[in-house]
């Protein structure tokens, strides 16, 4: 009888011991994830503040110059014929409200990544996806003038606007010139 009582006490002790260990592990994991979450949140907040991320959400071209690598495109835009009629977002973002924010998020993330890790071509090159966005922006703003020049079939290709008008968004000089339409020169 005493042996049976002794086994029951040992089982109870082991159960309490397992429960205590489980509480310790749960506390350690909770603390680890809370610290990890705090570090990620803190770094994200610091990066957003240091990089003036809120200005990137605006329509002000000076927001694009927060990244020093954008100074040259900004300077060439100031000397361009579109300086008085269009800002960066007018040509480099979709005119569709959802597409605008998708492109902004995509570019914001990959630009931040590339500029933070210094992993980008110099001079800058426009990605094919962004080239399509810019082409659509040209056609959107100049639809009254170009609708007769568009292909009859919607899926047919048309010549890129910047093939002939490469300097309207950014005045050209030797360093920026190849970045606008590298395949057309």
N, C-alpha and C. Protein backbone atom coordinates (compact mmCIF):
# COMPACT_ATOMS: atom_id res chain seq x y z
N UNK A 1 0.81 -1.19 0.00
CA UNK A 1 0.00 0.00 0.00
C UNK A 1 0.86 1.26 0.00
N UNK A 2 1.90 1.23 0.83
CA UNK A 2 2.82 2.36 0.90
C UNK A 2 3.56 2.53 -0.41
N UNK A 3 3.86 1.39 -1.07
CA UNK A 3 4.55 1.46 -2.36
C UNK A 3 3.65 2.08 -3.42
N UNK A 4 2.36 1.70 -3.40
CA UNK A 4 1.41 2.27 -4.36
C UNK A 4 1.26 3.79 -4.14
N UNK A 5 1.20 4.17 -2.86
CA UNK A 5 1.11 5.62 -2.54
C UNK A 5 2.37 6.36 -2.97
N UNK A 6 3.51 5.69 -2.80
CA UNK A 6 4.79 6.28 -3.21
C UNK A 6 4.85 6.50 -4.73
N UNK A 7 4.35 5.52 -5.51
CA UNK A 7 4.33 5.66 -6.98
C UNK A 7 3.40 6.80 -7.40
N UNK A 8 2.26 6.90 -6.73
CA UNK A 8 1.32 7.97 -7.06
C UNK A 8 1.94 9.36 -6.78
N UNK A 9 2.67 9.45 -5.68
CA UNK A 9 3.34 10.72 -5.36
C UNK A 9 4.43 11.05 -6.38
N UNK A 10 5.16 10.00 -6.82
CA UNK A 10 6.19 10.24 -7.84
C UNK A 10 5.57 10.69 -9.16
N UNK A 11 4.44 10.06 -9.53
CA UNK A 11 3.76 10.48 -10.77
C UNK A 11 3.28 11.93 -10.67
N UNK A 12 2.76 12.25 -9.51
CA UNK A 12 2.31 13.64 -9.31
C UNK A 12 3.48 14.61 -9.38
N UNK A 13 4.59 14.21 -8.78
CA UNK A 13 5.78 15.06 -8.81
C UNK A 13 6.29 15.25 -10.24
N UNK A 14 6.30 14.13 -11.03
CA UNK A 14 6.75 14.23 -12.43
C UNK A 14 5.79 15.12 -13.24
N UNK A 15 4.51 14.97 -13.01
CA UNK A 15 3.53 15.80 -13.73
C UNK A 15 3.74 17.28 -13.40
N UNK A 16 3.93 17.58 -12.13
CA UNK A 16 4.19 18.98 -11.74
C UNK A 16 5.50 19.48 -12.35
N UNK A 17 6.48 18.60 -12.35
CA UNK A 17 7.78 18.96 -12.92
C UNK A 17 7.66 19.26 -14.42
N UNK A 18 6.90 18.39 -15.15
CA UNK A 18 6.70 18.63 -16.59
C UNK A 18 5.92 19.93 -16.81
N UNK A 19 4.93 20.15 -15.99
CA UNK A 19 4.13 21.38 -16.11
C UNK A 19 4.99 22.61 -15.86
N UNK A 20 5.86 22.53 -14.85
CA UNK A 20 6.76 23.66 -14.54
C UNK A 20 7.73 23.90 -15.68
N UNK A 21 8.28 22.81 -16.25
CA UNK A 21 9.19 22.97 -17.40
C UNK A 21 8.46 23.55 -18.60
N UNK A 22 7.23 23.09 -18.84
CA UNK A 22 6.45 23.62 -19.97
C UNK A 22 6.21 25.11 -19.79
N UNK A 23 5.93 25.53 -18.55
CA UNK A 23 5.71 26.96 -18.30
C UNK A 23 6.99 27.76 -18.55
N UNK A 24 8.11 27.18 -18.17
CA UNK A 24 9.39 27.87 -18.39
C UNK A 24 9.66 28.01 -19.89
N UNK A 25 9.47 26.90 -20.63
CA UNK A 25 9.70 26.96 -22.09
C UNK A 25 8.74 27.93 -22.76
N UNK A 26 7.47 27.90 -22.33
CA UNK A 26 6.49 28.83 -22.91
C UNK A 26 6.90 30.27 -22.62
N UNK A 27 7.38 30.52 -21.43
CA UNK A 27 7.85 31.86 -21.08
C UNK A 27 9.06 32.29 -21.90
N UNK A 28 9.99 31.34 -22.09
CA UNK A 28 11.18 31.65 -22.89
C UNK A 28 10.81 31.94 -24.33
N UNK A 29 9.94 31.08 -24.92
CA UNK A 29 9.53 31.31 -26.31
C UNK A 29 8.77 32.62 -26.44
N UNK A 30 7.87 32.90 -25.49
CA UNK A 30 7.11 34.15 -25.53
C UNK A 30 8.05 35.35 -25.44
N UNK A 31 9.01 35.26 -24.53
CA UNK A 31 9.97 36.36 -24.38
C UNK A 31 10.81 36.53 -25.64
N UNK A 32 11.25 35.40 -26.22
CA UNK A 32 12.06 35.46 -27.44
C UNK A 32 11.27 36.13 -28.57
N UNK A 33 10.04 35.70 -28.78
CA UNK A 33 9.26 36.29 -29.86
C UNK A 33 8.87 37.74 -29.57
N UNK A 34 8.64 38.07 -28.31
CA UNK A 34 8.34 39.47 -27.97
C UNK A 34 9.56 40.35 -28.25
N UNK A 35 10.74 39.86 -27.89
CA UNK A 35 11.97 40.63 -28.15
C UNK A 35 12.21 40.73 -29.65
N UNK A 36 12.05 39.61 -30.36
CA UNK A 36 12.24 39.62 -31.82
C UNK A 36 11.26 40.59 -32.48
N UNK A 37 10.01 40.55 -32.06
CA UNK A 37 9.00 41.46 -32.61
C UNK A 37 9.38 42.91 -32.32
N UNK A 38 9.85 43.16 -31.09
CA UNK A 38 10.26 44.52 -30.73
C UNK A 38 11.44 45.00 -31.55
N UNK A 39 12.40 44.12 -31.77
CA UNK A 39 13.59 44.50 -32.56
C UNK A 39 13.17 44.81 -34.00
N UNK A 40 12.35 43.93 -34.60
CA UNK A 40 11.91 44.15 -35.99
C UNK A 40 11.08 45.42 -36.07
N UNK A 41 10.17 45.61 -35.15
CA UNK A 41 9.34 46.82 -35.14
C UNK A 41 10.20 48.07 -34.94
N UNK A 42 11.16 47.99 -34.02
CA UNK A 42 12.04 49.13 -33.77
C UNK A 42 12.91 49.46 -34.97
N UNK A 43 13.50 48.44 -35.59
CA UNK A 43 14.32 48.68 -36.78
C UNK A 43 13.49 49.22 -37.93
N UNK A 44 12.29 48.67 -38.09
CA UNK A 44 11.40 49.15 -39.15
C UNK A 44 11.01 50.59 -38.92
N UNK A 45 10.67 50.94 -37.69
CA UNK A 45 10.29 52.32 -37.37
C UNK A 45 11.47 53.26 -37.55
N UNK A 46 12.65 52.83 -37.09
CA UNK A 46 13.85 53.66 -37.25
C UNK A 46 14.15 53.87 -38.74
N UNK A 47 14.11 52.78 -39.51
CA UNK A 47 14.42 52.87 -40.94
C UNK A 47 13.41 53.77 -41.65
N UNK A 48 12.13 53.60 -41.32
CA UNK A 48 11.10 54.43 -41.94
C UNK A 48 11.30 55.90 -41.59
N UNK A 49 11.64 56.18 -40.35
CA UNK A 49 11.87 57.56 -39.93
C UNK A 49 13.15 58.13 -40.51
N UNK A 50 14.24 57.35 -40.43
CA UNK A 50 15.53 57.81 -40.93
C UNK A 50 15.48 58.02 -42.44
N UNK A 51 14.79 57.13 -43.15
CA UNK A 51 14.69 57.23 -44.61
C UNK A 51 13.58 58.17 -45.06
N UNK A 52 12.95 58.85 -44.12
CA UNK A 52 11.85 59.76 -44.43
C UNK A 52 10.80 59.05 -45.27
N UNK A 53 10.41 57.88 -44.81
CA UNK A 53 9.47 57.04 -45.55
C UNK A 53 8.13 57.70 -45.81
N UNK A 54 7.68 58.54 -44.91
CA UNK A 54 6.38 59.20 -45.11
C UNK A 54 6.41 60.09 -46.35
N UNK A 55 7.55 60.70 -46.63
CA UNK A 55 7.63 61.56 -47.81
C UNK A 55 7.51 60.74 -49.09
N UNK A 56 7.90 59.47 -49.02
CA UNK A 56 7.81 58.60 -50.19
C UNK A 56 6.33 58.35 -50.55
N UNK A 57 5.46 58.52 -49.59
CA UNK A 57 4.03 58.31 -49.84
C UNK A 57 3.37 59.54 -50.44
N UNK A 58 4.09 60.63 -50.53
CA UNK A 58 3.53 61.87 -51.05
C UNK A 58 3.70 61.94 -52.57
N UNK A 59 3.27 63.05 -53.14
CA UNK A 59 3.40 63.29 -54.57
C UNK A 59 4.54 64.26 -54.86
N UNK A 60 5.29 64.62 -53.83
CA UNK A 60 6.37 65.60 -53.96
C UNK A 60 7.63 64.92 -54.52
N UNK A 61 8.15 65.39 -55.66
CA UNK A 61 9.37 64.79 -56.23
C UNK A 61 10.56 64.81 -55.28
N UNK A 62 10.58 65.73 -54.33
CA UNK A 62 11.70 65.77 -53.39
C UNK A 62 11.72 64.51 -52.51
N UNK A 63 10.58 63.84 -52.39
CA UNK A 63 10.54 62.59 -51.64
C UNK A 63 11.39 61.51 -52.30
N UNK A 64 11.46 61.53 -53.62
CA UNK A 64 12.27 60.54 -54.34
C UNK A 64 13.76 60.79 -54.12
N UNK A 65 14.12 62.03 -53.84
CA UNK A 65 15.53 62.39 -53.68
C UNK A 65 16.03 62.02 -52.28
N UNK A 66 15.16 61.50 -51.43
CA UNK A 66 15.63 61.02 -50.12
C UNK A 66 16.74 60.00 -50.32
N UNK A 67 16.61 59.21 -51.38
CA UNK A 67 17.71 58.30 -51.73
C UNK A 67 18.66 59.10 -52.62
N UNK A 68 19.87 59.26 -52.17
CA UNK A 68 20.81 60.13 -52.88
C UNK A 68 21.06 59.69 -54.31
N UNK A 69 20.83 58.41 -54.61
CA UNK A 69 21.06 57.94 -55.98
C UNK A 69 20.03 58.50 -56.95
N UNK A 70 18.94 59.06 -56.41
CA UNK A 70 17.90 59.64 -57.26
C UNK A 70 18.16 61.12 -57.55
N UNK A 71 19.25 61.66 -57.05
CA UNK A 71 19.53 63.08 -57.27
C UNK A 71 19.68 63.39 -58.75
N UNK A 72 20.42 62.56 -59.46
CA UNK A 72 20.66 62.80 -60.88
C UNK A 72 19.37 62.72 -61.70
N UNK A 73 18.53 61.66 -61.51
CA UNK A 73 17.25 61.67 -62.22
C UNK A 73 16.39 62.88 -61.84
N UNK A 74 16.45 63.31 -60.58
CA UNK A 74 15.69 64.49 -60.15
C UNK A 74 16.21 65.74 -60.87
N UNK A 75 17.52 65.89 -60.92
CA UNK A 75 18.11 67.05 -61.59
C UNK A 75 17.75 67.09 -63.08
N UNK A 76 17.79 65.92 -63.72
CA UNK A 76 17.47 65.89 -65.15
C UNK A 76 15.98 66.11 -65.39
N UNK A 77 15.14 65.71 -64.43
CA UNK A 77 13.70 65.98 -64.54
C UNK A 77 13.46 67.50 -64.45
N UNK A 78 14.20 68.17 -63.57
CA UNK A 78 14.02 69.62 -63.42
C UNK A 78 14.36 70.38 -64.71
N UNK A 79 15.22 69.80 -65.52
CA UNK A 79 15.61 70.45 -66.77
C UNK A 79 14.78 69.97 -67.95
N UNK A 80 13.84 69.07 -67.70
CA UNK A 80 13.09 68.47 -68.80
C UNK A 80 11.85 69.29 -69.16
N UNK A 81 11.26 68.95 -70.30
CA UNK A 81 10.06 69.65 -70.75
C UNK A 81 8.84 69.27 -69.91
N UNK A 82 8.86 68.16 -69.22
CA UNK A 82 7.73 67.74 -68.39
C UNK A 82 7.79 68.31 -66.97
N UNK A 83 8.81 69.06 -66.67
CA UNK A 83 8.98 69.57 -65.31
C UNK A 83 7.76 70.34 -64.81
N UNK A 84 7.14 71.10 -65.70
CA UNK A 84 6.00 71.93 -65.28
C UNK A 84 4.67 71.20 -65.34
N UNK A 85 4.64 70.01 -65.91
CA UNK A 85 3.35 69.35 -66.09
C UNK A 85 3.24 67.98 -65.43
N UNK A 86 4.35 67.41 -65.03
CA UNK A 86 4.29 66.06 -64.44
C UNK A 86 5.35 65.89 -63.36
N UNK A 87 4.98 65.15 -62.31
CA UNK A 87 5.94 64.81 -61.27
C UNK A 87 6.28 63.33 -61.40
N UNK A 88 7.19 62.84 -60.58
CA UNK A 88 7.66 61.45 -60.68
C UNK A 88 6.48 60.47 -60.73
N UNK A 89 5.54 60.65 -59.81
CA UNK A 89 4.42 59.71 -59.73
C UNK A 89 3.57 59.70 -60.99
N UNK A 90 3.48 60.81 -61.70
CA UNK A 90 2.67 60.85 -62.91
C UNK A 90 3.20 59.92 -63.99
N UNK A 91 4.51 59.77 -64.07
CA UNK A 91 5.12 58.95 -65.12
C UNK A 91 5.55 57.56 -64.63
N UNK A 92 5.87 57.44 -63.34
CA UNK A 92 6.44 56.18 -62.86
C UNK A 92 5.48 55.35 -62.02
N UNK A 93 4.22 55.79 -61.92
CA UNK A 93 3.22 54.98 -61.22
C UNK A 93 2.02 54.80 -62.12
N UNK A 94 1.32 53.71 -61.89
CA UNK A 94 0.11 53.44 -62.65
C UNK A 94 -0.95 54.51 -62.32
N UNK A 95 -1.81 54.78 -63.27
CA UNK A 95 -2.90 55.72 -63.02
C UNK A 95 -4.11 55.00 -62.45
N UNK A 96 -4.06 53.69 -62.39
CA UNK A 96 -5.07 52.88 -61.72
C UNK A 96 -4.80 52.97 -60.21
N UNK A 97 -5.82 53.27 -59.38
CA UNK A 97 -5.55 53.46 -57.94
C UNK A 97 -4.92 52.25 -57.26
N UNK A 98 -5.34 51.06 -57.62
CA UNK A 98 -4.74 49.88 -57.00
C UNK A 98 -3.33 49.65 -57.57
N UNK A 99 -3.19 49.77 -58.87
CA UNK A 99 -1.89 49.60 -59.51
C UNK A 99 -0.88 50.61 -59.00
N UNK A 100 -1.35 51.81 -58.70
CA UNK A 100 -0.46 52.86 -58.18
C UNK A 100 0.20 52.39 -56.88
N UNK A 101 -0.62 51.88 -55.96
CA UNK A 101 -0.08 51.50 -54.65
C UNK A 101 0.70 50.20 -54.72
N UNK A 102 0.32 49.31 -55.64
CA UNK A 102 1.09 48.07 -55.83
C UNK A 102 2.48 48.43 -56.37
N UNK A 103 2.52 49.31 -57.36
CA UNK A 103 3.81 49.72 -57.93
C UNK A 103 4.63 50.48 -56.90
N UNK A 104 3.98 51.34 -56.14
CA UNK A 104 4.69 52.11 -55.10
C UNK A 104 5.29 51.17 -54.05
N UNK A 105 4.51 50.19 -53.62
CA UNK A 105 5.01 49.23 -52.63
C UNK A 105 6.15 48.39 -53.21
N UNK A 106 5.96 47.92 -54.43
CA UNK A 106 7.00 47.11 -55.08
C UNK A 106 8.29 47.90 -55.24
N UNK A 107 8.17 49.11 -55.79
CA UNK A 107 9.37 49.93 -55.98
C UNK A 107 9.97 50.36 -54.65
N UNK A 108 9.12 50.72 -53.70
CA UNK A 108 9.63 51.13 -52.39
C UNK A 108 10.44 50.03 -51.73
N UNK A 109 9.91 48.82 -51.76
CA UNK A 109 10.62 47.71 -51.13
C UNK A 109 11.93 47.40 -51.85
N UNK A 110 11.84 47.24 -53.18
CA UNK A 110 13.06 46.83 -53.90
C UNK A 110 14.08 47.97 -54.02
N UNK A 111 13.61 49.21 -54.09
CA UNK A 111 14.56 50.33 -54.08
C UNK A 111 15.27 50.40 -52.73
N UNK A 112 14.51 50.26 -51.65
CA UNK A 112 15.13 50.30 -50.31
C UNK A 112 16.16 49.20 -50.16
N UNK A 113 15.78 48.02 -50.61
CA UNK A 113 16.70 46.88 -50.52
C UNK A 113 17.96 47.13 -51.34
N UNK A 114 17.78 47.56 -52.58
CA UNK A 114 18.93 47.78 -53.47
C UNK A 114 19.82 48.90 -52.96
N UNK A 115 19.22 49.99 -52.51
CA UNK A 115 20.02 51.14 -52.08
C UNK A 115 20.67 50.88 -50.72
N UNK A 116 19.99 50.13 -49.86
CA UNK A 116 20.57 49.81 -48.56
C UNK A 116 21.80 48.92 -48.73
N UNK A 117 21.69 47.92 -49.61
CA UNK A 117 22.80 46.98 -49.79
C UNK A 117 23.70 47.37 -50.95
N UNK A 118 23.47 48.57 -51.49
CA UNK A 118 24.31 49.09 -52.56
C UNK A 118 24.39 48.11 -53.73
N UNK A 119 23.25 47.54 -54.07
CA UNK A 119 23.18 46.52 -55.11
C UNK A 119 22.25 47.02 -56.23
N UNK A 120 22.76 47.93 -57.05
CA UNK A 120 21.98 48.47 -58.16
C UNK A 120 22.95 48.91 -59.25
N UNK A 121 22.45 48.91 -60.49
CA UNK A 121 23.35 49.32 -61.58
C UNK A 121 23.59 50.83 -61.54
N UNK A 122 24.77 51.21 -61.93
CA UNK A 122 25.12 52.63 -61.99
C UNK A 122 25.68 52.91 -63.38
N UNK A 123 24.99 53.66 -64.21
CA UNK A 123 23.79 54.43 -63.94
C UNK A 123 22.55 53.54 -63.79
N UNK A 124 21.55 54.09 -63.15
CA UNK A 124 20.31 53.36 -62.89
C UNK A 124 19.68 52.90 -64.19
N UNK A 125 19.01 51.76 -64.13
CA UNK A 125 18.28 51.21 -65.28
C UNK A 125 16.83 50.99 -64.85
N UNK A 126 15.93 51.28 -65.75
CA UNK A 126 14.53 51.05 -65.46
C UNK A 126 14.22 49.58 -65.73
N UNK A 127 13.43 48.97 -64.84
CA UNK A 127 13.07 47.57 -65.00
C UNK A 127 11.99 47.46 -66.07
N UNK A 128 11.91 46.32 -66.75
CA UNK A 128 10.88 46.16 -67.79
C UNK A 128 9.46 46.44 -67.27
N UNK A 129 9.17 46.01 -66.06
CA UNK A 129 7.83 46.26 -65.51
C UNK A 129 7.58 47.76 -65.38
N UNK A 130 8.57 48.49 -64.89
CA UNK A 130 8.42 49.94 -64.73
C UNK A 130 8.41 50.65 -66.08
N UNK A 131 9.08 50.06 -67.07
CA UNK A 131 9.05 50.63 -68.42
C UNK A 131 7.61 50.54 -68.96
N UNK A 132 6.93 49.42 -68.69
CA UNK A 132 5.54 49.27 -69.12
C UNK A 132 4.64 50.28 -68.40
N UNK A 133 4.91 50.50 -67.11
CA UNK A 133 4.13 51.49 -66.35
C UNK A 133 4.31 52.87 -66.97
N UNK A 134 5.54 53.22 -67.30
CA UNK A 134 5.82 54.53 -67.90
C UNK A 134 5.16 54.64 -69.26
N UNK A 135 5.21 53.58 -70.05
CA UNK A 135 4.56 53.60 -71.37
C UNK A 135 3.04 53.83 -71.21
N UNK A 136 2.44 53.14 -70.25
CA UNK A 136 1.00 53.33 -70.01
C UNK A 136 0.71 54.75 -69.55
N UNK A 137 1.61 55.32 -68.75
CA UNK A 137 1.41 56.70 -68.30
C UNK A 137 1.46 57.67 -69.48
N UNK A 138 2.39 57.45 -70.40
CA UNK A 138 2.45 58.29 -71.61
C UNK A 138 1.13 58.21 -72.37
N UNK A 139 0.67 56.97 -72.59
CA UNK A 139 -0.56 56.78 -73.36
C UNK A 139 -1.77 57.34 -72.62
N UNK A 140 -1.76 57.27 -71.30
CA UNK A 140 -2.87 57.80 -70.51
C UNK A 140 -2.95 59.32 -70.65
N UNK A 141 -1.84 59.99 -70.44
CA UNK A 141 -1.85 61.46 -70.46
C UNK A 141 -2.01 62.03 -71.88
N UNK A 142 -1.51 61.31 -72.86
CA UNK A 142 -1.54 61.82 -74.24
C UNK A 142 -2.54 61.05 -75.09
N UNK A 143 -3.55 60.50 -74.49
CA UNK A 143 -4.50 59.65 -75.23
C UNK A 143 -5.19 60.41 -76.37
N UNK A 144 -5.43 61.70 -76.20
CA UNK A 144 -6.08 62.47 -77.27
C UNK A 144 -5.20 62.57 -78.51
N UNK A 145 -3.90 62.50 -78.31
CA UNK A 145 -2.98 62.67 -79.44
C UNK A 145 -2.55 61.34 -80.05
N UNK A 146 -2.53 60.29 -79.26
CA UNK A 146 -1.93 59.05 -79.75
C UNK A 146 -2.94 57.95 -80.07
N UNK A 147 -4.21 58.18 -79.81
CA UNK A 147 -5.15 57.08 -80.00
C UNK A 147 -5.19 56.59 -81.45
N UNK A 148 -4.92 57.44 -82.42
CA UNK A 148 -4.88 57.01 -83.82
C UNK A 148 -3.62 56.22 -84.16
N UNK A 149 -2.62 56.33 -83.33
CA UNK A 149 -1.35 55.63 -83.59
C UNK A 149 -1.29 54.27 -82.90
N UNK A 150 -2.25 53.98 -82.05
CA UNK A 150 -2.22 52.71 -81.31
C UNK A 150 -2.62 51.57 -82.23
N UNK A 151 -2.10 50.38 -81.97
CA UNK A 151 -2.47 49.23 -82.80
C UNK A 151 -3.97 48.92 -82.65
N UNK A 152 -4.55 48.39 -83.72
CA UNK A 152 -5.98 48.06 -83.71
C UNK A 152 -6.28 46.95 -82.71
N UNK A 153 -5.39 45.99 -82.61
CA UNK A 153 -5.55 44.88 -81.68
C UNK A 153 -4.90 45.27 -80.35
N UNK A 154 -5.64 45.12 -79.27
CA UNK A 154 -5.14 45.52 -77.95
C UNK A 154 -3.88 44.76 -77.53
N UNK A 155 -3.71 43.55 -78.02
CA UNK A 155 -2.57 42.73 -77.61
C UNK A 155 -1.36 42.91 -78.52
N UNK A 156 -1.51 43.71 -79.56
CA UNK A 156 -0.36 43.99 -80.43
C UNK A 156 0.59 44.95 -79.74
N UNK A 157 1.84 44.86 -80.12
CA UNK A 157 2.83 45.74 -79.51
C UNK A 157 2.86 47.08 -80.23
N UNK A 158 3.23 48.08 -79.52
CA UNK A 158 3.41 49.41 -80.09
C UNK A 158 4.81 49.88 -79.74
N UNK A 159 5.27 50.83 -80.47
CA UNK A 159 6.61 51.35 -80.21
C UNK A 159 6.60 52.11 -78.88
N UNK A 160 7.66 52.00 -78.15
CA UNK A 160 7.78 52.72 -76.89
C UNK A 160 7.86 54.23 -77.16
N UNK A 161 7.11 54.99 -76.39
CA UNK A 161 7.09 56.44 -76.57
C UNK A 161 8.48 57.06 -76.40
N UNK A 162 9.23 56.55 -75.40
CA UNK A 162 10.54 57.14 -75.13
C UNK A 162 11.58 56.74 -76.17
N UNK A 163 11.19 55.87 -77.10
CA UNK A 163 12.10 55.56 -78.20
C UNK A 163 12.43 56.85 -78.97
N UNK A 164 11.41 57.65 -79.19
CA UNK A 164 11.61 58.92 -79.91
C UNK A 164 11.66 60.13 -78.96
N UNK A 165 11.01 60.01 -77.82
CA UNK A 165 10.89 61.15 -76.90
C UNK A 165 11.61 60.88 -75.59
N UNK A 166 12.83 60.44 -75.68
CA UNK A 166 13.58 60.02 -74.50
C UNK A 166 13.88 61.15 -73.53
N UNK A 167 13.87 62.38 -74.00
CA UNK A 167 14.29 63.47 -73.12
C UNK A 167 13.12 64.27 -72.54
N UNK A 168 11.89 63.83 -72.72
CA UNK A 168 10.78 64.64 -72.20
C UNK A 168 10.66 64.55 -70.67
N UNK A 169 10.97 63.39 -70.10
CA UNK A 169 10.86 63.23 -68.65
C UNK A 169 12.14 63.59 -67.92
N UNK A 170 13.26 63.34 -68.56
CA UNK A 170 14.57 63.65 -67.99
C UNK A 170 15.42 64.21 -69.13
N UNK A 171 15.94 65.40 -68.91
CA UNK A 171 16.80 65.96 -69.95
C UNK A 171 18.00 65.03 -70.10
N UNK A 172 18.46 64.93 -71.30
CA UNK A 172 19.49 63.93 -71.58
C UNK A 172 20.90 64.47 -71.42
N UNK A 173 21.71 63.63 -70.93
CA UNK A 173 23.15 63.83 -70.96
C UNK A 173 23.76 62.46 -70.95
N UNK A 174 25.01 62.37 -71.15
CA UNK A 174 25.66 61.08 -71.41
C UNK A 174 25.44 60.05 -70.31
N UNK A 175 25.32 60.46 -69.08
CA UNK A 175 25.22 59.49 -68.01
C UNK A 175 23.80 58.91 -67.90
N UNK A 176 22.78 59.73 -68.05
CA UNK A 176 21.41 59.26 -67.87
C UNK A 176 20.83 58.71 -69.15
N UNK A 177 21.32 59.20 -70.29
CA UNK A 177 20.74 58.83 -71.57
C UNK A 177 20.52 57.33 -71.75
N UNK A 178 21.49 56.47 -71.45
CA UNK A 178 21.25 55.06 -71.69
C UNK A 178 20.26 54.44 -70.71
N UNK A 179 19.95 55.10 -69.63
CA UNK A 179 19.04 54.50 -68.66
C UNK A 179 17.60 54.55 -69.10
N UNK A 180 17.28 55.44 -70.01
CA UNK A 180 15.89 55.61 -70.38
C UNK A 180 15.37 54.50 -71.28
N UNK A 181 16.07 54.17 -72.27
CA UNK A 181 15.63 53.14 -73.21
C UNK A 181 16.85 52.40 -73.74
N UNK A 182 17.45 51.53 -72.93
CA UNK A 182 18.71 50.93 -73.31
C UNK A 182 18.62 50.06 -74.57
N UNK A 183 17.48 49.49 -74.85
CA UNK A 183 17.38 48.60 -76.00
C UNK A 183 17.13 49.35 -77.30
N UNK A 184 16.80 50.61 -77.21
CA UNK A 184 16.43 51.33 -78.43
C UNK A 184 17.58 52.15 -79.00
N UNK A 185 18.71 52.15 -78.36
CA UNK A 185 19.82 52.96 -78.86
C UNK A 185 20.90 52.09 -79.46
